[in-house]
Amino acid sequence: MVRKTLDLTLDKEIQEAILSMPVTTSEGSPTTLEDILGAAKIHLQEAKRFLDENSLIKITAENILKSESCHGVPSFRVTLEGEIYLSVEQPEEVKPPRKEKLPPLGKIREKALELGLDVSGLGRQKLKILKMIEAAQPSEENA
């Protein structure tokens, strides 16, 4: 059975009380939890900046994307546990425009006959008949 983790947001007062608790570092220096977390945040930002700016890392990321057949803009994410993840910002999928459904051939032929067009040699080529109709309509409107 998989257990679900529930994250609860603590009140500001409780958070401040926990962050201000005295802690002794591994070197024996007194500090607070807030200071340790602040230093960790700075170090994580430095690691992220290194990953973002290093050209060898960029080439590696691009090669990983190619090998995975992915497209997009790669970036790295570093966790406090020291794990590094490659994130890929992918562009929105652009879908081709939907083709309009053409009217039935019978209606297209009726319109052509109304305009006095001979479409007997075009068979079932709806698009060609519609183009002939379109070309014939402006000339009638001008008449």
N, C-alpha and C. Protein backbone atom coordinates (compact mmCIF):
# COMPACT_ATOMS: atom_id res chain seq x y z
N MET A 1 0.84 -1.18 0.00
CA MET A 1 0.00 0.00 0.00
C MET A 1 0.89 1.25 0.00
N VAL A 2 0.61 2.18 -0.89
CA VAL A 2 1.38 3.40 -1.01
C VAL A 2 0.84 4.43 -0.02
N ARG A 3 1.74 4.99 0.76
CA ARG A 3 1.32 6.02 1.71
C ARG A 3 1.37 7.37 1.04
N LYS A 4 0.43 8.20 1.35
CA LYS A 4 0.35 9.54 0.78
C LYS A 4 0.97 10.52 1.78
N THR A 5 1.79 11.45 1.27
CA THR A 5 2.39 12.46 2.13
C THR A 5 1.53 13.70 2.10
N LEU A 6 1.28 14.25 3.28
CA LEU A 6 0.47 15.45 3.40
C LEU A 6 1.35 16.56 3.95
N ASP A 7 1.51 17.65 3.21
CA ASP A 7 2.28 18.80 3.66
C ASP A 7 1.33 19.84 4.23
N LEU A 8 1.58 20.23 5.48
CA LEU A 8 0.76 21.23 6.13
C LEU A 8 1.56 22.52 6.26
N THR A 9 0.94 23.65 5.97
CA THR A 9 1.60 24.94 6.12
C THR A 9 1.48 25.38 7.57
N LEU A 10 2.62 25.73 8.15
CA LEU A 10 2.64 26.16 9.55
C LEU A 10 2.40 27.65 9.65
N ASP A 11 1.86 28.07 10.79
CA ASP A 11 1.69 29.50 11.06
C ASP A 11 3.05 30.18 11.06
N LYS A 12 3.06 31.47 10.71
CA LYS A 12 4.31 32.24 10.67
C LYS A 12 5.04 32.20 12.01
N GLU A 13 4.29 32.31 13.12
CA GLU A 13 4.92 32.32 14.44
C GLU A 13 5.66 31.01 14.70
N ILE A 14 5.04 29.89 14.33
CA ILE A 14 5.67 28.58 14.53
C ILE A 14 6.90 28.46 13.66
N GLN A 15 6.79 28.89 12.39
CA GLN A 15 7.94 28.83 11.48
C GLN A 15 9.11 29.66 12.03
N GLU A 16 8.82 30.88 12.48
CA GLU A 16 9.86 31.76 13.01
C GLU A 16 10.49 31.16 14.26
N ALA A 17 9.68 30.53 15.11
CA ALA A 17 10.21 29.90 16.33
C ALA A 17 11.16 28.76 15.98
N ILE A 18 10.77 27.94 15.01
CA ILE A 18 11.62 26.82 14.61
C ILE A 18 12.90 27.32 13.96
N LEU A 19 12.78 28.31 13.06
CA LEU A 19 13.96 28.83 12.36
C LEU A 19 14.94 29.54 13.30
N SER A 20 14.45 30.09 14.41
CA SER A 20 15.33 30.82 15.33
C SER A 20 15.96 29.92 16.39
N MET A 21 15.67 28.64 16.34
CA MET A 21 16.23 27.72 17.35
C MET A 21 17.75 27.65 17.21
N PRO A 22 18.46 27.61 18.34
CA PRO A 22 19.92 27.52 18.29
C PRO A 22 20.37 26.14 17.82
N VAL A 23 21.39 26.13 16.98
CA VAL A 23 21.95 24.90 16.42
C VAL A 23 23.47 25.01 16.52
N THR A 24 24.12 23.89 16.77
CA THR A 24 25.58 23.85 16.75
C THR A 24 26.00 23.14 15.47
N THR A 25 26.86 23.80 14.68
CA THR A 25 27.31 23.23 13.41
C THR A 25 28.27 22.08 13.67
N SER A 26 28.60 21.36 12.61
CA SER A 26 29.54 20.23 12.74
C SER A 26 30.92 20.71 13.19
N GLU A 27 31.23 22.00 12.94
CA GLU A 27 32.52 22.56 13.40
C GLU A 27 32.44 23.03 14.84
N GLY A 28 31.26 22.97 15.45
CA GLY A 28 31.09 23.38 16.83
C GLY A 28 30.68 24.84 17.01
N SER A 29 30.38 25.55 15.93
CA SER A 29 29.98 26.96 16.01
C SER A 29 28.49 27.07 16.28
N PRO A 30 28.11 28.01 17.16
CA PRO A 30 26.68 28.21 17.41
C PRO A 30 26.06 29.05 16.28
N THR A 31 24.86 28.68 15.88
CA THR A 31 24.13 29.41 14.84
C THR A 31 22.65 29.11 15.00
N THR A 32 21.86 29.49 14.01
CA THR A 32 20.43 29.17 14.02
C THR A 32 20.09 28.35 12.77
N LEU A 33 18.97 27.70 12.83
CA LEU A 33 18.50 26.92 11.68
C LEU A 33 18.31 27.83 10.47
N GLU A 34 17.82 29.05 10.70
CA GLU A 34 17.62 30.01 9.61
C GLU A 34 18.93 30.35 8.91
N ASP A 35 20.01 30.53 9.68
CA ASP A 35 21.31 30.83 9.09
C ASP A 35 21.84 29.66 8.26
N ILE A 36 21.65 28.44 8.78
CA ILE A 36 22.11 27.26 8.04
C ILE A 36 21.35 27.13 6.72
N LEU A 37 20.03 27.31 6.77
CA LEU A 37 19.23 27.22 5.55
C LEU A 37 19.57 28.34 4.58
N GLY A 38 19.85 29.55 5.11
CA GLY A 38 20.24 30.67 4.25
C GLY A 38 21.54 30.38 3.52
N ALA A 39 22.51 29.80 4.24
CA ALA A 39 23.79 29.45 3.62
C ALA A 39 23.59 28.36 2.57
N ALA A 40 22.73 27.38 2.87
CA ALA A 40 22.45 26.31 1.92
C ALA A 40 21.83 26.87 0.65
N LYS A 41 20.94 27.83 0.82
CA LYS A 41 20.28 28.46 -0.34
C LYS A 41 21.32 29.17 -1.22
N ILE A 42 22.24 29.89 -0.59
CA ILE A 42 23.29 30.58 -1.34
C ILE A 42 24.14 29.58 -2.10
N HIS A 43 24.52 28.48 -1.44
CA HIS A 43 25.35 27.46 -2.09
C HIS A 43 24.61 26.78 -3.25
N LEU A 44 23.31 26.55 -3.07
CA LEU A 44 22.52 25.96 -4.15
C LEU A 44 22.45 26.91 -5.36
N GLN A 45 22.30 28.21 -5.09
CA GLN A 45 22.27 29.19 -6.17
C GLN A 45 23.60 29.22 -6.91
N GLU A 46 24.70 29.11 -6.18
CA GLU A 46 26.02 29.08 -6.81
C GLU A 46 26.18 27.84 -7.69
N ALA A 47 25.70 26.69 -7.20
CA ALA A 47 25.78 25.45 -7.98
C ALA A 47 24.92 25.57 -9.24
N LYS A 48 23.75 26.15 -9.11
CA LYS A 48 22.85 26.34 -10.26
C LYS A 48 23.49 27.26 -11.29
N ARG A 49 24.09 28.35 -10.82
CA ARG A 49 24.74 29.30 -11.73
C ARG A 49 25.89 28.61 -12.49
N PHE A 50 26.65 27.79 -11.78
CA PHE A 50 27.74 27.04 -12.42
C PHE A 50 27.19 26.14 -13.52
N LEU A 51 26.11 25.42 -13.21
CA LEU A 51 25.51 24.51 -14.20
C LEU A 51 24.97 25.28 -15.40
N ASP A 52 24.40 26.45 -15.15
CA ASP A 52 23.82 27.25 -16.24
C ASP A 52 24.88 27.88 -17.13
N GLU A 53 26.05 28.19 -16.57
CA GLU A 53 27.07 28.94 -17.32
C GLU A 53 28.17 28.08 -17.92
N ASN A 54 28.32 26.85 -17.51
CA ASN A 54 29.41 26.00 -17.97
C ASN A 54 29.09 25.43 -19.35
N SER A 55 29.97 25.70 -20.32
CA SER A 55 29.70 25.28 -21.69
C SER A 55 29.76 23.75 -21.85
N LEU A 56 30.61 23.07 -21.10
CA LEU A 56 30.67 21.62 -21.17
C LEU A 56 29.37 21.00 -20.67
N ILE A 57 28.81 21.59 -19.63
CA ILE A 57 27.52 21.11 -19.09
C ILE A 57 26.42 21.33 -20.12
N LYS A 58 26.45 22.49 -20.82
CA LYS A 58 25.43 22.77 -21.85
C LYS A 58 25.49 21.75 -22.98
N ILE A 59 26.71 21.42 -23.42
CA ILE A 59 26.88 20.42 -24.49
C ILE A 59 26.36 19.06 -24.02
N THR A 60 26.65 18.71 -22.78
CA THR A 60 26.17 17.45 -22.23
C THR A 60 24.64 17.41 -22.23
N ALA A 61 24.04 18.50 -21.80
CA ALA A 61 22.57 18.57 -21.76
C ALA A 61 21.98 18.40 -23.16
N GLU A 62 22.55 19.08 -24.14
CA GLU A 62 22.05 18.98 -25.51
C GLU A 62 22.19 17.55 -26.05
N ASN A 63 23.30 16.89 -25.71
CA ASN A 63 23.48 15.50 -26.14
C ASN A 63 22.47 14.57 -25.47
N ILE A 64 22.17 14.82 -24.21
CA ILE A 64 21.17 14.01 -23.52
C ILE A 64 19.80 14.20 -24.19
N LEU A 65 19.47 15.45 -24.54
CA LEU A 65 18.19 15.71 -25.22
C LEU A 65 18.12 14.95 -26.54
N LYS A 66 19.22 14.99 -27.31
CA LYS A 66 19.23 14.28 -28.60
C LYS A 66 19.05 12.79 -28.40
N SER A 67 19.76 12.24 -27.41
CA SER A 67 19.67 10.79 -27.19
C SER A 67 18.28 10.38 -26.72
N GLU A 68 17.57 11.28 -26.07
CA GLU A 68 16.21 11.00 -25.60
C GLU A 68 15.15 11.43 -26.60
N SER A 69 15.57 11.96 -27.74
CA SER A 69 14.67 12.48 -28.78
C SER A 69 13.74 13.55 -28.23
N CYS A 70 14.29 14.43 -27.40
CA CYS A 70 13.53 15.53 -26.83
C CYS A 70 13.92 16.83 -27.51
N HIS A 71 12.99 17.76 -27.53
CA HIS A 71 13.26 19.09 -28.05
C HIS A 71 12.88 20.09 -26.98
N GLY A 72 13.64 21.17 -26.90
CA GLY A 72 13.33 22.21 -25.93
C GLY A 72 14.59 22.85 -25.39
N VAL A 73 14.39 23.64 -24.34
CA VAL A 73 15.49 24.37 -23.72
C VAL A 73 15.87 23.65 -22.43
N PRO A 74 17.10 23.09 -22.36
CA PRO A 74 17.49 22.35 -21.16
C PRO A 74 17.96 23.27 -20.04
N SER A 75 17.71 22.88 -18.80
CA SER A 75 18.26 23.55 -17.63
C SER A 75 18.37 22.52 -16.53
N PHE A 76 19.22 22.79 -15.55
CA PHE A 76 19.42 21.85 -14.47
C PHE A 76 18.77 22.33 -13.19
N ARG A 77 18.33 21.37 -12.38
CA ARG A 77 17.74 21.65 -11.08
C ARG A 77 18.54 20.85 -10.06
N VAL A 78 18.99 21.51 -8.99
CA VAL A 78 19.79 20.87 -7.95
C VAL A 78 18.97 20.81 -6.67
N THR A 79 19.00 19.66 -6.00
CA THR A 79 18.27 19.51 -4.75
C THR A 79 19.23 19.59 -3.57
N LEU A 80 18.69 19.77 -2.39
CA LEU A 80 19.50 19.79 -1.17
C LEU A 80 20.20 18.45 -0.93
N GLU A 81 19.61 17.38 -1.47
CA GLU A 81 20.20 16.06 -1.30
C GLU A 81 21.38 15.84 -2.25
N GLY A 82 21.66 16.81 -3.12
CA GLY A 82 22.77 16.69 -4.05
C GLY A 82 22.40 16.02 -5.36
N GLU A 83 21.12 15.84 -5.61
CA GLU A 83 20.69 15.25 -6.88
C GLU A 83 20.54 16.35 -7.92
N ILE A 84 20.88 16.02 -9.16
CA ILE A 84 20.78 16.98 -10.25
C ILE A 84 19.80 16.41 -11.27
N TYR A 85 18.85 17.24 -11.65
CA TYR A 85 17.84 16.85 -12.64
C TYR A 85 17.97 17.74 -13.86
N LEU A 86 17.76 17.15 -15.01
CA LEU A 86 17.72 17.91 -16.26
C LEU A 86 16.26 18.21 -16.57
N SER A 87 15.91 19.48 -16.59
CA SER A 87 14.56 19.90 -16.93
C SER A 87 14.56 20.41 -18.36
N VAL A 88 13.49 20.18 -19.07
CA VAL A 88 13.38 20.60 -20.46
C VAL A 88 12.12 21.43 -20.63
N GLU A 89 12.33 22.70 -20.99
CA GLU A 89 11.19 23.58 -21.27
C GLU A 89 10.82 23.37 -22.73
N GLN A 90 9.65 22.79 -22.94
CA GLN A 90 9.23 22.46 -24.29
C GLN A 90 8.25 23.49 -24.81
N PRO A 91 8.39 23.84 -26.10
CA PRO A 91 7.44 24.81 -26.68
C PRO A 91 6.06 24.18 -26.77
N GLU A 92 5.05 25.05 -26.77
CA GLU A 92 3.69 24.55 -26.93
C GLU A 92 3.58 23.86 -28.28
N GLU A 93 2.82 22.78 -28.28
CA GLU A 93 2.61 22.07 -29.54
C GLU A 93 1.75 22.93 -30.45
N VAL A 94 2.22 23.08 -31.66
CA VAL A 94 1.45 23.84 -32.65
C VAL A 94 0.76 22.82 -33.54
N LYS A 95 -0.53 22.80 -33.46
CA LYS A 95 -1.30 21.85 -34.26
C LYS A 95 -1.60 22.49 -35.61
N PRO A 96 -1.52 21.69 -36.66
CA PRO A 96 -1.87 22.25 -37.97
C PRO A 96 -3.34 22.64 -38.00
N PRO A 97 -3.66 23.67 -38.76
CA PRO A 97 -5.06 24.09 -38.81
C PRO A 97 -5.93 22.96 -39.36
N ARG A 98 -7.11 22.86 -38.81
CA ARG A 98 -8.02 21.82 -39.27
C ARG A 98 -8.54 22.17 -40.65
N LYS A 99 -8.61 21.17 -41.46
CA LYS A 99 -9.16 21.38 -42.80
C LYS A 99 -10.67 21.51 -42.68
N GLU A 100 -11.20 22.47 -43.43
CA GLU A 100 -12.65 22.62 -43.45
C GLU A 100 -13.26 21.44 -44.19
N LYS A 101 -14.37 21.01 -43.69
CA LYS A 101 -15.08 19.94 -44.38
C LYS A 101 -15.77 20.56 -45.59
N LEU A 102 -15.54 19.97 -46.74
CA LEU A 102 -16.12 20.49 -47.98
C LEU A 102 -17.59 20.09 -48.09
N PRO A 103 -18.38 20.93 -48.73
CA PRO A 103 -19.79 20.57 -48.94
C PRO A 103 -19.90 19.35 -49.86
N PRO A 104 -21.03 18.70 -49.85
CA PRO A 104 -21.22 17.53 -50.72
C PRO A 104 -21.04 17.91 -52.20
N LEU A 105 -20.56 16.95 -52.98
CA LEU A 105 -20.29 17.19 -54.40
C LEU A 105 -21.55 17.65 -55.14
N GLY A 106 -22.69 17.11 -54.78
CA GLY A 106 -23.95 17.49 -55.44
C GLY A 106 -24.23 18.98 -55.28
N LYS A 107 -24.03 19.53 -54.08
CA LYS A 107 -24.28 20.96 -53.84
C LYS A 107 -23.26 21.82 -54.60
N ILE A 108 -22.03 21.34 -54.65
CA ILE A 108 -20.99 22.10 -55.38
C ILE A 108 -21.35 22.15 -56.86
N ARG A 109 -21.79 21.02 -57.42
CA ARG A 109 -22.18 20.98 -58.85
C ARG A 109 -23.38 21.88 -59.11
N GLU A 110 -24.37 21.91 -58.19
CA GLU A 110 -25.54 22.78 -58.36
C GLU A 110 -25.10 24.24 -58.43
N LYS A 111 -24.21 24.64 -57.54
CA LYS A 111 -23.72 26.03 -57.53
C LYS A 111 -23.02 26.35 -58.86
N ALA A 112 -22.22 25.39 -59.35
CA ALA A 112 -21.52 25.59 -60.62
C ALA A 112 -22.53 25.76 -61.76
N LEU A 113 -23.58 24.96 -61.77
CA LEU A 113 -24.60 25.07 -62.81
C LEU A 113 -25.32 26.41 -62.74
N GLU A 114 -25.60 26.88 -61.50
CA GLU A 114 -26.24 28.19 -61.35
C GLU A 114 -25.40 29.30 -61.98
N LEU A 115 -24.08 29.13 -61.88
CA LEU A 115 -23.16 30.14 -62.43
C LEU A 115 -22.87 29.90 -63.92
N GLY A 116 -23.44 28.82 -64.47
CA GLY A 116 -23.24 28.52 -65.89
C GLY A 116 -21.87 27.92 -66.19
N LEU A 117 -21.29 27.24 -65.23
CA LEU A 117 -19.96 26.65 -65.42
C LEU A 117 -20.09 25.20 -65.87
N ASP A 118 -19.22 24.78 -66.77
CA ASP A 118 -19.18 23.39 -67.22
C ASP A 118 -18.09 22.66 -66.42
N VAL A 119 -18.54 21.83 -65.50
CA VAL A 119 -17.59 21.10 -64.65
C VAL A 119 -17.63 19.61 -64.95
N SER A 120 -18.21 19.23 -66.07
CA SER A 120 -18.37 17.82 -66.41
C SER A 120 -17.02 17.10 -66.56
N GLY A 121 -15.99 17.81 -66.95
CA GLY A 121 -14.69 17.18 -67.15
C GLY A 121 -13.86 17.06 -65.88
N LEU A 122 -14.37 17.56 -64.76
CA LEU A 122 -13.59 17.53 -63.52
C LEU A 122 -13.90 16.34 -62.61
N GLY A 123 -14.91 15.57 -62.95
CA GLY A 123 -15.23 14.39 -62.15
C GLY A 123 -15.56 14.75 -60.70
N ARG A 124 -14.86 14.12 -59.74
CA ARG A 124 -15.14 14.31 -58.32
C ARG A 124 -14.14 15.25 -57.64
N GLN A 125 -13.48 16.10 -58.39
CA GLN A 125 -12.46 17.01 -57.84
C GLN A 125 -13.10 18.25 -57.26
N LYS A 126 -13.54 18.13 -55.99
CA LYS A 126 -14.28 19.20 -55.33
C LYS A 126 -13.50 20.51 -55.29
N LEU A 127 -12.22 20.43 -54.93
CA LEU A 127 -11.43 21.66 -54.79
C LEU A 127 -11.31 22.42 -56.11
N LYS A 128 -11.11 21.70 -57.19
CA LYS A 128 -10.99 22.38 -58.49
C LYS A 128 -12.31 23.02 -58.89
N ILE A 129 -13.41 22.34 -58.61
CA ILE A 129 -14.72 22.91 -58.93
C ILE A 129 -14.96 24.15 -58.07
N LEU A 130 -14.63 24.08 -56.77
CA LEU A 130 -14.81 25.22 -55.87
C LEU A 130 -13.96 26.41 -56.32
N LYS A 131 -12.76 26.15 -56.82
CA LYS A 131 -11.90 27.24 -57.31
C LYS A 131 -12.51 27.90 -58.54
N MET A 132 -13.11 27.09 -59.41
CA MET A 132 -13.78 27.65 -60.59
C MET A 132 -14.96 28.53 -60.17
N ILE A 133 -15.72 28.05 -59.18
CA ILE A 133 -16.87 28.81 -58.67
C ILE A 133 -16.39 30.12 -58.07
N GLU A 134 -15.34 30.04 -57.27
CA GLU A 134 -14.79 31.24 -56.63
C GLU A 134 -14.31 32.25 -57.67
N ALA A 135 -13.68 31.76 -58.72
CA ALA A 135 -13.18 32.65 -59.77
C ALA A 135 -14.34 33.27 -60.56
N ALA A 136 -15.44 32.53 -60.71
CA ALA A 136 -16.58 33.02 -61.49
C ALA A 136 -17.43 34.01 -60.69
N GLN A 137 -17.49 33.90 -59.38
CA GLN A 137 -18.34 34.77 -58.58
C GLN A 137 -17.94 36.24 -58.62
N PRO A 138 -16.69 36.61 -58.46
CA PRO A 138 -16.37 38.04 -58.50
C PRO A 138 -16.71 38.68 -59.83
N SER A 139 -16.56 37.92 -60.94
CA SER A 139 -16.87 38.50 -62.24
C SER A 139 -18.36 38.76 -62.36
N GLU A 140 -19.19 37.94 -61.73
CA GLU A 140 -20.63 38.17 -61.76
C GLU A 140 -21.02 39.36 -60.90
N GLU A 141 -20.35 39.51 -59.74
CA GLU A 141 -20.67 40.63 -58.85
C GLU A 141 -20.34 41.97 -59.53
N ASN A 142 -19.29 41.98 -60.32
CA ASN A 142 -18.89 43.21 -61.02
C ASN A 142 -19.79 43.52 -62.20
N ALA A 143 -20.52 42.51 -62.69
CA ALA A 143 -21.36 42.70 -63.87
C ALA A 143 -22.61 43.46 -63.56
